[in-house]
C-alpha atoms as a PDB file:
ATOM      1  CA  MET A   1      14.422  -2.425 -19.891  1.00  0.00           C
ATOM      2  CA  PRO A   2      14.993  -6.091 -20.139  1.00  0.00           C
ATOM      3  CA  ALA A   3      14.884  -7.233 -23.824  1.00  0.00           C
ATOM      4  CA  GLU A   4      13.135 -10.517 -22.925  1.00  0.00           C
ATOM      5  CA  CYS A   5      10.137  -8.484 -21.444  1.00  0.00           C
ATOM      6  CA  ARG A   6       9.834  -6.372 -24.542  1.00  0.00           C
ATOM      7  CA  HIS A   7       9.927  -9.508 -26.907  1.00  0.00           C
ATOM      8  CA  ALA A   8       7.187 -11.181 -24.746  1.00  0.00           C
ATOM      9  CA  ILE A   9       4.910  -8.284 -24.910  1.00  0.00           C
ATOM     10  CA  ILE A  10       5.240  -7.855 -28.617  1.00  0.00           C
ATOM     11  CA  ALA A  11       4.851 -11.515 -29.216  1.00  0.00           C
ATOM     12  CA  ALA A  12       1.555 -11.388 -27.383  1.00  0.00           C
ATOM     13  CA  TYR A  13       0.529  -7.747 -28.630  1.00  0.00           C
ATOM     14  CA  PRO A  14       2.161  -7.335 -32.073  1.00  0.00           C
ATOM     15  CA  HIS A  15       0.410  -3.897 -32.456  1.00  0.00           C
ATOM     16  CA  LEU A  16       2.826  -2.633 -29.807  1.00  0.00           C
ATOM     17  CA  ALA A  17       5.954  -3.075 -31.679  1.00  0.00           C
ATOM     18  CA  GLY A  18       6.594   0.527 -32.342  1.00  0.00           C
ATOM     19  CA  ALA A  19       5.572   1.479 -28.750  1.00  0.00           C
ATOM     20  CA  THR A  20       7.796   3.200 -26.249  1.00  0.00           C
ATOM     21  CA  PHE A  21       8.770   0.881 -23.352  1.00  0.00           C
ATOM     22  CA  ALA A  22      10.047   1.989 -19.956  1.00  0.00           C
ATOM     23  CA  VAL A  23      10.404   0.233 -16.692  1.00  0.00           C
ATOM     24  CA  ALA A  24       7.714   1.466 -14.342  1.00  0.00           C
ATOM     25  CA  GLY A  25       9.012  -0.078 -11.063  1.00  0.00           C
ATOM     26  CA  ARG A  26      11.016  -2.985  -9.718  1.00  0.00           C
ATOM     27  CA  GLY A  27       9.304  -4.735  -6.579  1.00  0.00           C
ATOM     28  CA  TRP A  28      10.481  -7.684  -4.495  1.00  0.00           C
ATOM     29  CA  HIS A  29       8.802 -10.109  -6.779  1.00  0.00           C
ATOM     30  CA  SER A  30       8.086  -8.470 -10.108  1.00  0.00           C
ATOM     31  CA  LEU A  31       9.006  -6.123 -12.768  1.00  0.00           C
ATOM     32  CA  ALA A  32       6.489  -3.499 -14.016  1.00  0.00           C
ATOM     33  CA  VAL A  33       6.915  -2.317 -17.723  1.00  0.00           C
ATOM     34  CA  GLU A  34       5.113   0.726 -18.992  1.00  0.00           C
ATOM     35  CA  VAL A  35       4.106   0.951 -22.558  1.00  0.00           C
ATOM     36  CA  ASP A  36       3.243   4.212 -24.453  1.00  0.00           C
ATOM     37  CA  GLY A  37       2.187   5.592 -21.072  1.00  0.00           C
ATOM     38  CA  ARG A  38      -1.046   3.714 -21.410  1.00  0.00           C
ATOM     39  CA  HIS A  39      -0.423  -0.056 -20.432  1.00  0.00           C
ATOM     40  CA  ILE A  40       1.303  -1.686 -17.504  1.00  0.00           C
ATOM     41  CA  PHE A  41       2.819  -5.086 -17.811  1.00  0.00           C
ATOM     42  CA  LYS A  42       3.922  -7.057 -14.746  1.00  0.00           C
ATOM     43  CA  PHE A  43       6.456  -9.822 -15.026  1.00  0.00           C
ATOM     44  CA  PRO A  44       6.693 -12.153 -11.781  1.00  0.00           C
ATOM     45  CA  GLN A  45      10.118 -13.459 -10.874  1.00  0.00           C
ATOM     46  CA  GLY A  46       9.859 -16.841  -9.581  1.00  0.00           C
ATOM     47  CA  GLU A  47       7.027 -19.509  -8.756  1.00  0.00           C
ATOM     48  CA  GLU A  48       6.077 -17.657  -5.613  1.00  0.00           C
ATOM     49  CA  ALA A  49       5.557 -14.332  -7.617  1.00  0.00           C
ATOM     50  CA  GLU A  50       3.645 -15.987 -10.203  1.00  0.00           C
ATOM     51  CA  THR A  51       1.171 -17.482  -7.692  1.00  0.00           C
ATOM     52  CA  ALA A  52       0.795 -13.995  -6.089  1.00  0.00           C
ATOM     53  CA  LEU A  53       0.190 -12.344  -9.470  1.00  0.00           C
ATOM     54  CA  LEU A  54      -2.492 -14.962 -10.420  1.00  0.00           C
ATOM     55  CA  ARG A  55      -4.065 -14.306  -7.066  1.00  0.00           C
ATOM     56  CA  GLU A  56      -3.995 -10.486  -7.426  1.00  0.00           C
ATOM     57  CA  ALA A  57      -5.777 -10.802 -10.729  1.00  0.00           C
ATOM     58  CA  ARG A  58      -8.623 -12.985  -9.185  1.00  0.00           C
ATOM     59  CA  LEU A  59      -8.851 -10.403  -6.214  1.00  0.00           C
ATOM     60  CA  LEU A  60      -9.197  -7.487  -8.615  1.00  0.00           C
ATOM     61  CA  GLY A  61     -11.769  -9.335 -10.700  1.00  0.00           C
ATOM     62  CA  ALA A  62     -13.858  -9.741  -7.435  1.00  0.00           C
ATOM     63  CA  VAL A  63     -13.131  -6.252  -6.147  1.00  0.00           C
ATOM     64  CA  ARG A  64     -13.807  -4.032  -9.381  1.00  0.00           C
ATOM     65  CA  PRO A  65     -17.415  -4.494  -9.597  1.00  0.00           C
ATOM     66  CA  LEU A  66     -18.067  -3.788  -5.804  1.00  0.00           C
ATOM     67  CA  VAL A  67     -16.110  -0.488  -5.536  1.00  0.00           C
ATOM     68  CA  MET A  68     -16.580   2.887  -6.810  1.00  0.00           C
ATOM     69  CA  THR A  69     -12.878   3.754  -6.918  1.00  0.00           C
ATOM     70  CA  PRO A  70     -11.219   2.743 -10.225  1.00  0.00           C
ATOM     71  CA  VAL A  71      -8.980  -0.240  -9.862  1.00  0.00           C
ATOM     72  CA  PRO A  72      -6.882  -2.101 -12.610  1.00  0.00           C
ATOM     73  CA  ASP A  73      -8.573  -4.367 -14.991  1.00  0.00           C
ATOM     74  CA  MET A  74      -5.787  -6.989 -14.866  1.00  0.00           C
ATOM     75  CA  ARG A  75      -5.638  -9.651 -17.558  1.00  0.00           C
ATOM     76  CA  ILE A  76      -3.226 -12.641 -17.431  1.00  0.00           C
ATOM     77  CA  HIS A  77      -1.123 -13.767 -20.285  1.00  0.00           C
ATOM     78  CA  SER A  78      -0.297 -17.382 -19.488  1.00  0.00           C
ATOM     79  CA  GLY A  79       2.914 -17.445 -21.643  1.00  0.00           C
ATOM     80  CA  PRO A  80       5.558 -18.681 -21.266  1.00  0.00           C
ATOM     81  CA  PRO A  81       6.569 -16.244 -19.829  1.00  0.00           C
ATOM     82  CA  LEU A  82       3.507 -15.586 -17.579  1.00  0.00           C
ATOM     83  CA  PHE A  83       2.768 -11.786 -17.199  1.00  0.00           C
ATOM     84  CA  SER A  84      -0.239  -9.475 -16.600  1.00  0.00           C
ATOM     85  CA  MET A  85      -1.473  -6.418 -18.476  1.00  0.00           C
ATOM     86  CA  HIS A  86      -3.852  -3.588 -17.471  1.00  0.00           C
ATOM     87  CA  GLY A  87      -4.565  -0.104 -18.654  1.00  0.00           C
ATOM     88  CA  LYS A  88      -2.583   2.425 -16.684  1.00  0.00           C
ATOM     89  CA  LEU A  89      -4.749   4.534 -14.343  1.00  0.00           C
ATOM     90  CA  PRO A  90      -4.295   8.186 -15.317  1.00  0.00           C
ATOM     91  CA  GLY A  91      -2.372  10.267 -12.780  1.00  0.00           C
ATOM     92  CA  ARG A  92       0.888  10.160 -10.894  1.00  0.00           C
ATOM     93  CA  THR A  93       2.011   9.027  -7.179  1.00  0.00           C
ATOM     94  CA  LEU A  94       1.317  11.251  -4.286  1.00  0.00           C
ATOM     95  CA  GLU A  95       4.461  12.067  -2.198  1.00  0.00           C
ATOM     96  CA  PRO A  96       4.295  13.583   1.320  1.00  0.00           C
ATOM     97  CA  ALA A  97       5.736  16.761  -0.398  1.00  0.00           C
ATOM     98  CA  ASP A  98       2.766  16.779  -2.805  1.00  0.00           C
ATOM     99  CA  TYR A  99       0.333  16.329   0.050  1.00  0.00           C
ATOM    100  CA  ALA A 100       1.894  19.341   1.811  1.00  0.00           C
ATOM    101  CA  LYS A 101       1.010  21.522  -1.153  1.00  0.00           C
ATOM    102  CA  LEU A 102      -2.774  20.589  -1.098  1.00  0.00           C
ATOM    103  CA  ASP A 103      -5.152  23.111   0.291  1.00  0.00           C
ATOM    104  CA  ASP A 104      -7.762  22.335   2.794  1.00  0.00           C
ATOM    105  CA  THR A 105     -10.520  21.559   0.281  1.00  0.00           C
ATOM    106  CA  ALA A 106      -8.258  19.192  -1.736  1.00  0.00           C
ATOM    107  CA  ARG A 107      -7.255  17.522   1.352  1.00  0.00           C
ATOM    108  CA  ALA A 108     -10.773  16.911   2.511  1.00  0.00           C
ATOM    109  CA  ARG A 109     -11.736  15.532  -0.852  1.00  0.00           C
ATOM    110  CA  LEU A 110      -8.815  13.137  -0.997  1.00  0.00           C
ATOM    111  CA  ALA A 111      -9.628  11.848   2.556  1.00  0.00           C
ATOM    112  CA  ASP A 112     -13.238  11.294   1.619  1.00  0.00           C
ATOM    113  CA  ASP A 113     -12.142   9.406  -1.483  1.00  0.00           C
ATOM    114  CA  LEU A 114      -9.992   7.165   0.487  1.00  0.00           C
ATOM    115  CA  ALA A 115     -12.751   6.723   3.084  1.00  0.00           C
ATOM    116  CA  LEU A 116     -15.112   5.646   0.315  1.00  0.00           C
ATOM    117  CA  PHE A 117     -12.564   3.117  -1.054  1.00  0.00           C
ATOM    118  CA  PHE A 118     -12.012   1.502   2.364  1.00  0.00           C
ATOM    119  CA  ALA A 119     -15.736   1.542   3.300  1.00  0.00           C
ATOM    120  CA  ASP A 120     -16.623  -0.278   0.058  1.00  0.00           C
ATOM    121  CA  LEU A 121     -13.864  -2.685   0.523  1.00  0.00           C
ATOM    122  CA  HIS A 122     -14.766  -3.579   4.002  1.00  0.00           C
ATOM    123  CA  ALA A 123     -18.295  -4.107   3.107  1.00  0.00           C
ATOM    124  CA  ILE A 124     -17.541  -6.903   0.540  1.00  0.00           C
ATOM    125  CA  ASP A 125     -18.736 -10.336   1.852  1.00  0.00           C
ATOM    126  CA  PRO A 126     -15.688 -12.071   3.139  1.00  0.00           C
ATOM    127  CA  CYS A 127     -16.882 -15.256   1.451  1.00  0.00           C
ATOM    128  CA  VAL A 128     -16.474 -13.663  -1.944  1.00  0.00           C
ATOM    129  CA  MET A 129     -12.846 -12.676  -1.364  1.00  0.00           C
ATOM    130  CA  ARG A 130     -11.871 -16.033   0.124  1.00  0.00           C
ATOM    131  CA  ALA A 131     -13.309 -17.622  -2.960  1.00  0.00           C
ATOM    132  CA  ALA A 132     -10.982 -15.190  -4.950  1.00  0.00           C
ATOM    133  CA  GLY A 133      -7.989 -16.277  -3.003  1.00  0.00           C
ATOM    134  CA  ALA A 134      -7.693 -13.661  -0.181  1.00  0.00           C
ATOM    135  CA  GLU A 135      -5.594 -14.643   2.713  1.00  0.00           C
ATOM    136  CA  GLN A 136      -4.621 -13.254   6.145  1.00  0.00           C
ATOM    137  CA  VAL A 137      -2.367 -10.395   5.870  1.00  0.00           C
ATOM    138  CA  GLY A 138       1.127 -10.749   7.359  1.00  0.00           C
ATOM    139  CA  TRP A 139       2.296  -9.057  10.608  1.00  0.00           C
ATOM    140  CA  TRP A 140       5.535  -7.284  11.506  1.00  0.00           C
ATOM    141  CA  ASP A 141       8.273  -8.763  13.777  1.00  0.00           C
ATOM    142  CA  THR A 142       8.438  -6.671  16.837  1.00  0.00           C
ATOM    143  CA  GLN A 143      10.022  -9.100  19.193  1.00  0.00           C
ATOM    144  CA  GLN A 144      12.508  -7.809  21.859  1.00  0.00           C
ATOM    145  CA  ASP A 145      15.467  -9.542  20.146  1.00  0.00           C
ATOM    146  CA  THR A 146      14.459  -8.284  16.638  1.00  0.00           C
ATOM    147  CA  LEU A 147      14.190  -4.628  17.686  1.00  0.00           C
ATOM    148  CA  ALA A 148      17.262  -4.706  19.911  1.00  0.00           C
ATOM    149  CA  THR A 149      19.327  -3.302  16.970  1.00  0.00           C
ATOM    150  CA  VAL A 150      16.966  -0.478  16.374  1.00  0.00           C
ATOM    151  CA  TRP A 151      16.990   1.361  19.631  1.00  0.00           C
ATOM    152  CA  PRO A 152      20.740   2.545  19.442  1.00  0.00           C
ATOM    153  CA  LEU A 153      20.098   4.169  15.995  1.00  0.00           C
ATOM    154  CA  LEU A 154      17.146   6.472  17.190  1.00  0.00           C
ATOM    155  CA  PRO A 155      17.703   9.875  18.714  1.00  0.00           C
ATOM    156  CA  PRO A 156      17.270   9.573  22.587  1.00  0.00           C
ATOM    157  CA  GLU A 157      14.029  11.565  22.846  1.00  0.00           C
ATOM    158  CA  LEU A 158      12.402   9.431  20.010  1.00  0.00           C
ATOM    159  CA  ARG A 159      13.769   6.295  21.285  1.00  0.00           C
ATOM    160  CA  ARG A 160      11.834   6.685  24.587  1.00  0.00           C
ATOM    161  CA  GLU A 161       8.680   7.361  22.619  1.00  0.00           C
ATOM    162  CA  ALA A 162       9.294   4.504  20.284  1.00  0.00           C
ATOM    163  CA  GLU A 163       9.951   1.973  23.109  1.00  0.00           C
ATOM    164  CA  ALA A 164       6.694   3.099  24.861  1.00  0.00           C
ATOM    165  CA  ALA A 165       4.848   2.570  21.652  1.00  0.00           C
ATOM    166  CA  ILE A 166       6.034  -1.044  20.978  1.00  0.00           C
ATOM    167  CA  LYS A 167       5.145  -1.756  24.624  1.00  0.00           C
ATOM    168  CA  ALA A 168       1.582  -0.296  24.145  1.00  0.00           C
ATOM    169  CA  TYR A 169       1.316  -2.207  20.836  1.00  0.00           C
ATOM    170  CA  HIS A 170       1.972  -5.411  22.461  1.00  0.00           C
ATOM    171  CA  GLU A 171      -0.754  -4.727  25.079  1.00  0.00           C
ATOM    172  CA  VAL A 172      -3.331  -3.215  22.695  1.00  0.00           C
ATOM    173  CA  GLY A 173      -5.391  -6.265  22.158  1.00  0.00           C
ATOM    174  CA  PRO A 174      -7.635  -7.362  19.215  1.00  0.00           C
ATOM    175  CA  ASP A 175      -9.257  -4.825  16.942  1.00  0.00           C
ATOM    176  CA  PRO A 176     -12.839  -3.968  18.353  1.00  0.00           C
ATOM    177  CA  LEU A 177     -13.992  -3.919  14.733  1.00  0.00           C
ATOM    178  CA  GLY A 178     -12.944  -7.413  14.036  1.00  0.00           C
ATOM    179  CA  GLU A 179     -11.541  -8.242  10.478  1.00  0.00           C
ATOM    180  CA  VAL A 180     -12.366  -7.221   7.168  1.00  0.00           C
ATOM    181  CA  TYR A 181     -11.060  -7.662   3.678  1.00  0.00           C
ATOM    182  CA  GLY A 182      -8.907  -4.591   3.071  1.00  0.00           C
ATOM    183  CA  PHE A 183      -6.158  -3.082   0.822  1.00  0.00           C
ATOM    184  CA  PHE A 184      -3.611  -2.292   3.571  1.00  0.00           C
ATOM    185  CA  ASP A 185      -1.294  -0.550   1.418  1.00  0.00           C
ATOM    186  CA  ALA A 186      -2.666   2.810   0.615  1.00  0.00           C
ATOM    187  CA  HIS A 187       0.619   4.876   0.545  1.00  0.00           C
ATOM    188  CA  GLY A 188       1.067   7.363  -2.169  1.00  0.00           C
ATOM    189  CA  TRP A 189       3.077   5.283  -4.459  1.00  0.00           C
ATOM    190  CA  ASN A 190      -0.080   2.914  -5.069  1.00  0.00           C
ATOM    191  CA  MET A 191      -2.195   6.064  -5.904  1.00  0.00           C
ATOM    192  CA  ALA A 192      -2.987   7.500  -9.369  1.00  0.00           C
ATOM    193  CA  PHE A 193      -3.457  11.090  -8.242  1.00  0.00           C
ATOM    194  CA  ASP A 194      -4.340  13.848 -10.804  1.00  0.00           C
ATOM    195  CA  HIS A 195      -2.051  16.707  -9.824  1.00  0.00           C
ATOM    196  CA  ASP A 196      -3.843  19.325 -11.981  1.00  0.00           C
ATOM    197  CA  ARG A 197      -7.496  18.341 -11.029  1.00  0.00           C
ATOM    198  CA  LEU A 198      -6.349  17.538  -7.433  1.00  0.00           C
ATOM    199  CA  HIS A 199      -8.309  14.276  -7.794  1.00  0.00           C
ATOM    200  CA  LEU A 200      -7.777  10.593  -6.907  1.00  0.00           C
ATOM    201  CA  ASN A 201      -8.227   8.769 -10.114  1.00  0.00           C
ATOM    202  CA  GLY A 202      -7.562   5.226  -8.764  1.00  0.00           C
ATOM    203  CA  ILE A 203      -5.695   2.704  -6.521  1.00  0.00           C
ATOM    204  CA  PHE A 204      -3.554  -0.087  -7.863  1.00  0.00           C
ATOM    205  CA  ASP A 205      -1.225  -2.880  -6.497  1.00  0.00           C
ATOM    206  CA  PHE A 206      -3.310  -5.315  -4.625  1.00  0.00           C
ATOM    207  CA  ALA A 207      -0.543  -7.759  -3.828  1.00  0.00           C
ATOM    208  CA  ASP A 208      -0.685  -6.928  -0.088  1.00  0.00           C
ATOM    209  CA  SER A 209      -4.335  -6.817   0.245  1.00  0.00           C
ATOM    210  CA  GLY A 210      -6.213  -9.509   2.489  1.00  0.00           C
ATOM    211  CA  PHE A 211      -7.968 -10.176   5.728  1.00  0.00           C
ATOM    212  CA  GLY A 212      -7.006  -7.726   8.612  1.00  0.00           C
ATOM    213  CA  PRO A 213      -8.207  -5.227  11.226  1.00  0.00           C
ATOM    214  CA  PRO A 214      -9.862  -2.085   9.893  1.00  0.00           C
ATOM    215  CA  HIS A 215      -7.591   0.243  11.894  1.00  0.00           C
ATOM    216  CA  ARG A 216      -4.625  -1.059   9.930  1.00  0.00           C
ATOM    217  CA  GLU A 217      -6.026   0.389   6.814  1.00  0.00           C
ATOM    218  CA  PHE A 218      -4.911   3.812   7.729  1.00  0.00           C
ATOM    219  CA  VAL A 219      -1.319   2.968   8.769  1.00  0.00           C
ATOM    220  CA  GLN A 220       0.183   3.394   5.278  1.00  0.00           C
ATOM    221  CA  VAL A 221      -1.928   6.513   4.781  1.00  0.00           C
ATOM    222  CA  SER A 222      -0.183   7.977   7.740  1.00  0.00           C
ATOM    223  CA  LEU A 223       3.058   7.673   6.033  1.00  0.00           C
ATOM    224  CA  ILE A 224       1.876  10.261   3.471  1.00  0.00           C
ATOM    225  CA  ASP A 225       0.949  12.596   6.335  1.00  0.00           C
ATOM    226  CA  PRO A 226      -0.596  11.996   9.866  1.00  0.00           C
ATOM    227  CA  ASP A 227      -3.214  14.751   8.846  1.00  0.00           C
ATOM    228  CA  LEU A 228      -4.409  12.797   5.893  1.00  0.00           C
ATOM    229  CA  ALA A 229      -4.699   9.709   8.067  1.00  0.00           C
ATOM    230  CA  LEU A 230      -6.717  11.483  10.655  1.00  0.00           C
ATOM    231  CA  ARG A 231      -8.881  13.219   8.041  1.00  0.00           C
ATOM    232  CA  SER A 232      -9.658   9.767   6.246  1.00  0.00           C
ATOM    233  CA  MET A 233     -10.322   8.039   9.469  1.00  0.00           C
ATOM    234  CA  ARG A 234     -13.085  10.745  10.318  1.00  0.00           C
ATOM    235  CA  ALA A 235     -14.393  10.454   6.916  1.00  0.00           C
ATOM    236  CA  TYR A 236     -14.550   6.648   7.123  1.00  0.00           C
ATOM    237  CA  GLU A 237     -16.379   6.883  10.468  1.00  0.00           C
ATOM    238  CA  ALA A 238     -19.096   9.073   8.745  1.00  0.00           C
ATOM    239  CA  ARG A 239     -19.471   6.573   5.993  1.00  0.00           C
ATOM    240  CA  SER A 240     -19.345   3.404   7.825  1.00  0.00           C
ATOM    241  CA  GLY A 241     -20.590   4.258  11.284  1.00  0.00           C
ATOM    242  CA  ASN A 242     -17.603   2.488  12.789  1.00  0.00           C
ATOM    243  CA  ALA A 243     -15.632   4.403  15.413  1.00  0.00           C
ATOM    244  CA  LEU A 244     -11.803   4.460  15.061  1.00  0.00           C
ATOM    245  CA  ASP A 245      -9.041   4.916  17.583  1.00  0.00           C
ATOM    246  CA  PRO A 246      -6.314   7.126  16.264  1.00  0.00           C
ATOM    247  CA  ARG A 247      -3.871   5.782  19.045  1.00  0.00           C
ATOM    248  CA  ARG A 248      -4.246   2.268  17.667  1.00  0.00           C
ATOM    249  CA  VAL A 249      -3.367   3.371  14.216  1.00  0.00           C
ATOM    250  CA  PHE A 250      -0.354   5.212  15.700  1.00  0.00           C
ATOM    251  CA  LEU A 251       0.807   2.001  17.518  1.00  0.00           C
ATOM    252  CA  LEU A 252       0.235  -0.106  14.388  1.00  0.00           C
ATOM    253  CA  ALA A 253       2.413   2.331  12.299  1.00  0.00           C
ATOM    254  CA  ALA A 254       5.093   2.502  14.886  1.00  0.00           C
ATOM    255  CA  ALA A 255       5.311  -1.284  14.897  1.00  0.00           C
ATOM    256  CA  MET A 256       5.603  -1.340  11.116  1.00  0.00           C
ATOM    257  CA  ARG A 257       8.123   1.491  10.752  1.00  0.00           C
ATOM    258  CA  LEU A 258      10.361  -0.057  13.506  1.00  0.00           C
ATOM    259  CA  SER A 259      10.063  -3.614  12.322  1.00  0.00           C
ATOM    260  CA  GLU A 260      11.117  -2.335   8.798  1.00  0.00           C
ATOM    261  CA  LEU A 261      14.147  -0.674  10.187  1.00  0.00           C
ATOM    262  CA  ALA A 262      15.075  -3.806  12.040  1.00  0.00           C
ATOM    263  CA  GLY A 263      14.855  -5.779   8.721  1.00  0.00           C
ATOM    264  CA  ALA A 264      17.040  -3.287   6.955  1.00  0.00           C
ATOM    265  CA  VAL A 265      19.715  -3.579   9.696  1.00  0.00           C
ATOM    266  CA  GLU A 266      19.513  -7.351   9.534  1.00  0.00           C
ATOM    267  CA  THR A 267      20.090  -7.366   5.659  1.00  0.00           C
ATOM    268  CA  GLY A 268      22.352  -4.247   5.613  1.00  0.00           C
ATOM    269  CA  GLU A 269      20.255  -2.709   2.829  1.00  0.00           C
ATOM    270  CA  ASP A 270      18.970   0.784   2.578  1.00  0.00           C
ATOM    271  CA  VAL A 271      19.528   1.415   6.350  1.00  0.00           C
ATOM    272  CA  PRO A 272      20.149   5.276   6.119  1.00  0.00           C
ATOM    273  CA  MET A 273      17.057   5.617   4.060  1.00  0.00           C
ATOM    274  CA  ILE A 274      14.696   3.593   6.214  1.00  0.00           C
ATOM    275  CA  LEU A 275      16.160   5.199   9.329  1.00  0.00           C
ATOM    276  CA  ASP A 276      15.448   8.637   7.950  1.00  0.00           C
ATOM    277  CA  LEU A 277      11.808   7.526   7.121  1.00  0.00           C
ATOM    278  CA  ALA A 278      11.301   6.112  10.599  1.00  0.00           C
ATOM    279  CA  VAL A 279      12.813   9.113  12.524  1.00  0.00           C
ATOM    280  CA  GLY A 280      10.825  11.483  10.323  1.00  0.00           C
ATOM    281  CA  TRP A 281       7.497   9.727  10.946  1.00  0.00           C
ATOM    282  CA  LEU A 282       8.187   9.672  14.661  1.00  0.00           C
ATOM    283  CA  ARG A 283       9.066  13.267  14.781  1.00  0.00           C
ATOM    284  CA  GLN A 284       5.851  14.156  12.865  1.00  0.00           C
ATOM    285  CA  HIS A 285       3.882  12.440  15.673  1.00  0.00           C
ATOM    286  CA  ALA A 286       6.082  13.729  18.592  1.00  0.00           C
ATOM    287  CA  ILE A 287       5.145  17.309  17.547  1.00  0.00           C
ATOM    288  CA  ARG A 288       1.436  16.733  17.403  1.00  0.00           C
END
């Protein structure tokens, strides 16, 4: 727990001087500090991160009144140093192992809660979100040269499937549903899930939100479990009236997983972990 963060928080909020401080997470661009289990403070690291944090606060301010799902009420302390504060959404993250323990009723409710969140987001007027600073989401690097280092790492039977998926991904064409403002980062680490009541209490971390195709919304969900992705897609169809193609979601997810693996190989960081994630995800789909 960096002392400078603690000092900055207490200087802005003196009543927290006797509170308990802990590191809640370290991202690529920021450090999150949890205080007394009730507050989250985010400290950006660098000018680019500061710009992103200010944009996230504006996006949340625009989104919050327009969705039923709880999202953070983020406030900015201009500093120096610049940081944000919001009340912690009650609950814990949802890991794949946690989802595996849920019964059919809890799985169906979670899928419908996600579908409601996505449908509400996608219905927001794009002009509102552009005014708040929303941008196009970035895309994964799946060029032939980039992925050349990935293929030898995969088991032979999965390599054939992965190569076919990337080929199909390049041929799939634009999303027939166009583009919407979306979250595009709904993996379990960004969920506040009540493991006692088996209820989704909220969604957080809007740093990767922006404009993109609706099918991409379900890519990160599939990393929790392909079953949850399919259930939430069907629930979304019922709520929005838009038909979704599971194959398109699979191809998008394959592109993301393999691009992530190529990036890890390039940097030499976390290669075994990301390889295990990619292989595990591919095996899940291969047996379905």
